[in-house]
Amino acid sequence: MEIDTGLPEVDEKGYLLDWQAWSPEVTKVMAARDKVSLTGDHWAVLEIFRRYYGEFEIEPPMRALVRRVREALGEEKGTSRYLYRLFPDGPGTQGVRYAGLPRPVSCV
């Protein structure tokens, strides 16, 4: 299944099959389909997701994500509430999908 003509393949839940095929344009298409307007805050967190995955080859667990966001963006943004405001369907699902990472193991 393709997101749109010429864009990378995704699974039945909309996660990229190849995380390295990700681009900002792919995320923009996903967000537009979800009627989500991406801000600089979204992009900063998505970069944290991608760096973590590049380092550990798994999506960041919530505690690790919160800690990394706090370290990178400050105390005010380093909370699970902040992450859920950005990704109301869940940072571990919606955020991971927008970051182009494989579907989390915990996501059935």
N, C-alpha and C. Protein backbone atom coordinates (compact mmCIF):
# COMPACT_ATOMS: atom_id res chain seq x y z
N MET A 1 0.85 -1.19 0.00
CA MET A 1 0.00 0.00 0.00
C MET A 1 0.89 1.24 0.00
N GLU A 2 0.59 2.22 -0.80
CA GLU A 2 1.38 3.44 -0.87
C GLU A 2 0.62 4.59 -0.23
N ILE A 3 1.36 5.52 0.36
CA ILE A 3 0.75 6.72 0.94
C ILE A 3 0.13 7.54 -0.19
N ASP A 4 0.87 7.83 -1.19
CA ASP A 4 0.47 8.52 -2.41
C ASP A 4 1.44 8.06 -3.48
N THR A 5 1.11 8.27 -4.73
CA THR A 5 2.00 7.86 -5.82
C THR A 5 3.40 8.39 -5.57
N GLY A 6 4.37 7.49 -5.68
CA GLY A 6 5.76 7.88 -5.52
C GLY A 6 6.25 7.94 -4.09
N LEU A 7 5.38 7.79 -3.11
CA LEU A 7 5.82 7.82 -1.72
C LEU A 7 6.03 6.39 -1.22
N PRO A 8 6.79 6.22 -0.14
CA PRO A 8 7.15 4.88 0.34
C PRO A 8 5.95 4.03 0.74
N GLU A 9 6.18 2.73 0.73
CA GLU A 9 5.14 1.78 1.13
C GLU A 9 4.92 1.82 2.64
N VAL A 10 3.67 1.58 3.02
CA VAL A 10 3.30 1.53 4.43
C VAL A 10 2.56 0.23 4.70
N ASP A 11 2.46 -0.13 5.99
CA ASP A 11 1.68 -1.31 6.36
C ASP A 11 0.21 -0.92 6.48
N GLU A 12 -0.62 -1.86 6.90
CA GLU A 12 -2.06 -1.62 6.98
C GLU A 12 -2.45 -0.54 7.99
N LYS A 13 -1.55 -0.22 8.92
CA LYS A 13 -1.83 0.82 9.92
C LYS A 13 -1.21 2.17 9.55
N GLY A 14 -0.52 2.22 8.41
CA GLY A 14 0.06 3.48 7.95
C GLY A 14 1.49 3.72 8.35
N TYR A 15 2.18 2.72 8.90
CA TYR A 15 3.59 2.86 9.28
C TYR A 15 4.46 2.53 8.07
N LEU A 16 5.53 3.29 7.89
CA LEU A 16 6.46 3.01 6.79
C LEU A 16 7.08 1.63 6.96
N LEU A 17 7.24 0.94 5.86
CA LEU A 17 7.89 -0.37 5.89
C LEU A 17 9.41 -0.22 5.97
N ASP A 18 9.94 0.89 5.48
CA ASP A 18 11.38 1.16 5.52
C ASP A 18 11.59 2.54 6.14
N TRP A 19 12.06 2.58 7.37
CA TRP A 19 12.19 3.85 8.09
C TRP A 19 13.15 4.80 7.39
N GLN A 20 14.08 4.28 6.60
CA GLN A 20 15.04 5.14 5.91
C GLN A 20 14.44 5.79 4.66
N ALA A 21 13.24 5.37 4.28
CA ALA A 21 12.56 5.98 3.14
C ALA A 21 11.79 7.24 3.58
N TRP A 22 11.86 7.57 4.86
CA TRP A 22 11.16 8.72 5.40
C TRP A 22 11.70 10.03 4.84
N SER A 23 10.84 11.00 4.75
CA SER A 23 11.23 12.38 4.44
C SER A 23 10.19 13.30 5.09
N PRO A 24 10.52 14.56 5.26
CA PRO A 24 9.52 15.49 5.80
C PRO A 24 8.25 15.51 4.96
N GLU A 25 8.38 15.33 3.65
CA GLU A 25 7.20 15.34 2.79
C GLU A 25 6.25 14.18 3.13
N VAL A 26 6.82 13.03 3.45
CA VAL A 26 6.00 11.88 3.86
C VAL A 26 5.20 12.24 5.11
N THR A 27 5.86 12.85 6.08
CA THR A 27 5.18 13.24 7.32
C THR A 27 4.08 14.26 7.03
N LYS A 28 4.34 15.18 6.15
CA LYS A 28 3.33 16.19 5.81
C LYS A 28 2.09 15.54 5.21
N VAL A 29 2.29 14.53 4.37
CA VAL A 29 1.15 13.81 3.79
C VAL A 29 0.36 13.09 4.89
N MET A 30 1.08 12.40 5.79
CA MET A 30 0.42 11.69 6.89
C MET A 30 -0.38 12.65 7.75
N ALA A 31 0.24 13.76 8.12
CA ALA A 31 -0.42 14.74 8.98
C ALA A 31 -1.63 15.36 8.28
N ALA A 32 -1.49 15.65 7.01
CA ALA A 32 -2.62 16.23 6.26
C ALA A 32 -3.79 15.26 6.25
N ARG A 33 -3.52 13.98 6.08
CA ARG A 33 -4.59 12.99 6.11
C ARG A 33 -5.28 12.93 7.46
N ASP A 34 -4.50 13.18 8.52
CA ASP A 34 -5.06 13.18 9.88
C ASP A 34 -5.62 14.54 10.27
N LYS A 35 -5.54 15.51 9.34
CA LYS A 35 -5.98 16.88 9.60
C LYS A 35 -5.22 17.51 10.78
N VAL A 36 -3.90 17.24 10.80
CA VAL A 36 -3.01 17.78 11.83
C VAL A 36 -2.11 18.80 11.17
N SER A 37 -2.02 19.96 11.80
CA SER A 37 -1.15 21.02 11.33
C SER A 37 0.16 20.94 12.13
N LEU A 38 1.24 20.60 11.46
CA LEU A 38 2.52 20.42 12.14
C LEU A 38 3.19 21.76 12.42
N THR A 39 3.75 21.86 13.62
CA THR A 39 4.48 23.06 14.05
C THR A 39 5.95 22.71 14.24
N GLY A 40 6.73 23.71 14.53
CA GLY A 40 8.14 23.49 14.84
C GLY A 40 8.32 22.55 16.02
N ASP A 41 7.38 22.61 16.97
CA ASP A 41 7.45 21.72 18.14
C ASP A 41 7.30 20.26 17.71
N HIS A 42 6.39 19.99 16.79
CA HIS A 42 6.23 18.63 16.27
C HIS A 42 7.53 18.14 15.66
N TRP A 43 8.11 18.98 14.79
CA TRP A 43 9.32 18.58 14.07
C TRP A 43 10.48 18.33 15.03
N ALA A 44 10.59 19.13 16.08
CA ALA A 44 11.67 18.94 17.06
C ALA A 44 11.54 17.58 17.74
N VAL A 45 10.31 17.20 18.10
CA VAL A 45 10.09 15.91 18.76
C VAL A 45 10.29 14.77 17.76
N LEU A 46 9.85 14.94 16.54
CA LEU A 46 10.05 13.90 15.53
C LEU A 46 11.54 13.63 15.30
N GLU A 47 12.34 14.67 15.35
CA GLU A 47 13.79 14.49 15.21
C GLU A 47 14.35 13.69 16.39
N ILE A 48 13.82 13.91 17.58
CA ILE A 48 14.24 13.14 18.75
C ILE A 48 13.88 11.67 18.57
N PHE A 49 12.66 11.41 18.08
CA PHE A 49 12.26 10.03 17.78
C PHE A 49 13.26 9.38 16.83
N ARG A 50 13.59 10.06 15.75
CA ARG A 50 14.44 9.49 14.71
C ARG A 50 15.87 9.26 15.21
N ARG A 51 16.38 10.20 15.99
CA ARG A 51 17.73 10.02 16.54
C ARG A 51 17.77 8.83 17.49
N TYR A 52 16.75 8.71 18.32
CA TYR A 52 16.69 7.59 19.27
C TYR A 52 16.65 6.26 18.50
N TYR A 53 15.80 6.20 17.50
CA TYR A 53 15.70 4.97 16.71
C TYR A 53 17.02 4.66 16.00
N GLY A 54 17.67 5.66 15.48
CA GLY A 54 18.96 5.47 14.83
C GLY A 54 20.01 4.92 15.77
N GLU A 55 19.91 5.31 17.03
CA GLU A 55 20.88 4.86 18.04
C GLU A 55 20.56 3.47 18.58
N PHE A 56 19.28 3.17 18.84
CA PHE A 56 18.90 1.94 19.55
C PHE A 56 18.11 0.94 18.71
N GLU A 57 17.65 1.35 17.53
CA GLU A 57 16.86 0.51 16.63
C GLU A 57 15.53 0.04 17.23
N ILE A 58 14.99 0.84 18.13
CA ILE A 58 13.64 0.67 18.66
C ILE A 58 13.06 2.07 18.86
N GLU A 59 11.75 2.14 18.89
CA GLU A 59 11.14 3.44 19.18
C GLU A 59 11.36 3.74 20.66
N PRO A 60 11.47 5.02 21.02
CA PRO A 60 11.74 5.32 22.42
C PRO A 60 10.54 5.01 23.31
N PRO A 61 10.78 4.32 24.41
CA PRO A 61 9.70 4.16 25.40
C PRO A 61 9.36 5.55 25.95
N MET A 62 8.18 5.70 26.47
CA MET A 62 7.70 7.02 26.91
C MET A 62 8.66 7.70 27.89
N ARG A 63 9.15 6.97 28.87
CA ARG A 63 10.06 7.60 29.84
C ARG A 63 11.32 8.13 29.17
N ALA A 64 11.88 7.34 28.27
CA ALA A 64 13.09 7.78 27.56
C ALA A 64 12.78 8.97 26.67
N LEU A 65 11.63 8.95 26.02
CA LEU A 65 11.23 10.06 25.16
C LEU A 65 11.07 11.34 25.97
N VAL A 66 10.39 11.25 27.08
CA VAL A 66 10.19 12.43 27.94
C VAL A 66 11.55 12.97 28.40
N ARG A 67 12.43 12.08 28.81
CA ARG A 67 13.76 12.50 29.26
C ARG A 67 14.52 13.20 28.13
N ARG A 68 14.50 12.61 26.93
CA ARG A 68 15.21 13.20 25.79
C ARG A 68 14.61 14.55 25.40
N VAL A 69 13.29 14.64 25.42
CA VAL A 69 12.64 15.92 25.10
C VAL A 69 13.02 16.96 26.14
N ARG A 70 13.02 16.58 27.41
CA ARG A 70 13.39 17.51 28.48
C ARG A 70 14.83 17.99 28.28
N GLU A 71 15.73 17.08 27.97
CA GLU A 71 17.14 17.45 27.76
C GLU A 71 17.30 18.38 26.56
N ALA A 72 16.56 18.11 25.49
CA ALA A 72 16.72 18.88 24.26
C ALA A 72 15.91 20.18 24.24
N LEU A 73 14.71 20.14 24.82
CA LEU A 73 13.79 21.27 24.67
C LEU A 73 13.43 21.98 25.98
N GLY A 74 13.90 21.46 27.09
CA GLY A 74 13.66 22.12 28.38
C GLY A 74 12.59 21.47 29.22
N GLU A 75 12.60 21.82 30.49
CA GLU A 75 11.68 21.25 31.49
C GLU A 75 10.22 21.38 31.10
N GLU A 76 9.85 22.55 30.60
CA GLU A 76 8.44 22.82 30.28
C GLU A 76 7.89 21.86 29.23
N LYS A 77 8.74 21.47 28.28
CA LYS A 77 8.28 20.59 27.20
C LYS A 77 8.58 19.12 27.48
N GLY A 78 9.37 18.85 28.48
CA GLY A 78 9.74 17.47 28.79
C GLY A 78 8.75 16.78 29.69
N THR A 79 7.49 16.72 29.23
CA THR A 79 6.44 16.03 30.01
C THR A 79 5.58 15.20 29.06
N SER A 80 4.96 14.19 29.60
CA SER A 80 4.08 13.37 28.77
C SER A 80 2.86 14.18 28.34
N ARG A 81 2.40 15.10 29.16
CA ARG A 81 1.26 15.95 28.77
C ARG A 81 1.57 16.76 27.52
N TYR A 82 2.75 17.32 27.50
CA TYR A 82 3.17 18.10 26.33
C TYR A 82 3.17 17.21 25.09
N LEU A 83 3.72 16.02 25.21
CA LEU A 83 3.79 15.10 24.06
C LEU A 83 2.40 14.69 23.59
N TYR A 84 1.48 14.49 24.52
CA TYR A 84 0.10 14.14 24.13
C TYR A 84 -0.63 15.33 23.51
N ARG A 85 -0.26 16.54 23.88
CA ARG A 85 -0.86 17.71 23.20
C ARG A 85 -0.40 17.75 21.75
N LEU A 86 0.85 17.40 21.50
CA LEU A 86 1.35 17.39 20.13
C LEU A 86 0.77 16.23 19.33
N PHE A 87 0.69 15.06 19.97
CA PHE A 87 0.25 13.83 19.31
C PHE A 87 -0.90 13.21 20.11
N PRO A 88 -2.11 13.75 19.95
CA PRO A 88 -3.25 13.31 20.76
C PRO A 88 -3.59 11.83 20.61
N ASP A 89 -3.24 11.23 19.47
CA ASP A 89 -3.49 9.80 19.31
C ASP A 89 -2.40 8.97 19.97
N GLY A 90 -1.46 9.63 20.62
CA GLY A 90 -0.40 8.96 21.35
C GLY A 90 0.97 9.17 20.73
N PRO A 91 1.92 9.67 21.52
CA PRO A 91 3.27 9.85 21.01
C PRO A 91 3.87 8.53 20.51
N GLY A 92 3.55 7.44 21.18
CA GLY A 92 4.09 6.14 20.81
C GLY A 92 3.45 5.53 19.58
N THR A 93 2.34 6.10 19.13
CA THR A 93 1.71 5.58 17.91
C THR A 93 1.75 6.66 16.82
N GLN A 94 1.08 7.76 17.04
CA GLN A 94 1.03 8.82 16.04
C GLN A 94 2.41 9.45 15.83
N GLY A 95 3.11 9.73 16.91
CA GLY A 95 4.45 10.32 16.78
C GLY A 95 5.42 9.39 16.07
N VAL A 96 5.37 8.11 16.43
CA VAL A 96 6.25 7.12 15.79
C VAL A 96 5.93 7.03 14.30
N ARG A 97 4.66 7.02 13.97
CA ARG A 97 4.25 6.93 12.56
C ARG A 97 4.73 8.15 11.78
N TYR A 98 4.52 9.35 12.33
CA TYR A 98 4.98 10.57 11.67
C TYR A 98 6.49 10.61 11.53
N ALA A 99 7.21 10.02 12.47
CA ALA A 99 8.67 9.98 12.41
C ALA A 99 9.16 8.95 11.39
N GLY A 100 8.24 8.18 10.83
CA GLY A 100 8.60 7.21 9.81
C GLY A 100 9.18 5.93 10.35
N LEU A 101 8.99 5.69 11.65
CA LEU A 101 9.57 4.50 12.27
C LEU A 101 8.64 3.31 12.14
N PRO A 102 9.17 2.10 12.25
CA PRO A 102 8.32 0.90 12.17
C PRO A 102 7.27 0.89 13.28
N ARG A 103 6.19 0.19 13.02
CA ARG A 103 5.12 0.08 14.01
C ARG A 103 5.70 -0.48 15.31
N PRO A 104 5.41 0.17 16.45
CA PRO A 104 5.91 -0.33 17.73
C PRO A 104 5.43 -1.75 18.00
N VAL A 105 6.27 -2.51 18.63
CA VAL A 105 5.95 -3.89 18.98
C VAL A 105 4.67 -3.94 19.81
N SER A 106 4.48 -2.96 20.67
CA SER A 106 3.31 -2.93 21.54
C SER A 106 2.03 -2.52 20.81
N CYS A 107 2.14 -2.08 19.56
CA CYS A 107 0.99 -1.62 18.78
C CYS A 107 0.47 -2.78 17.95
N VAL A 108 -0.62 -3.37 18.38
CA VAL A 108 -1.16 -4.57 17.72
C VAL A 108 -1.86 -4.22 16.43
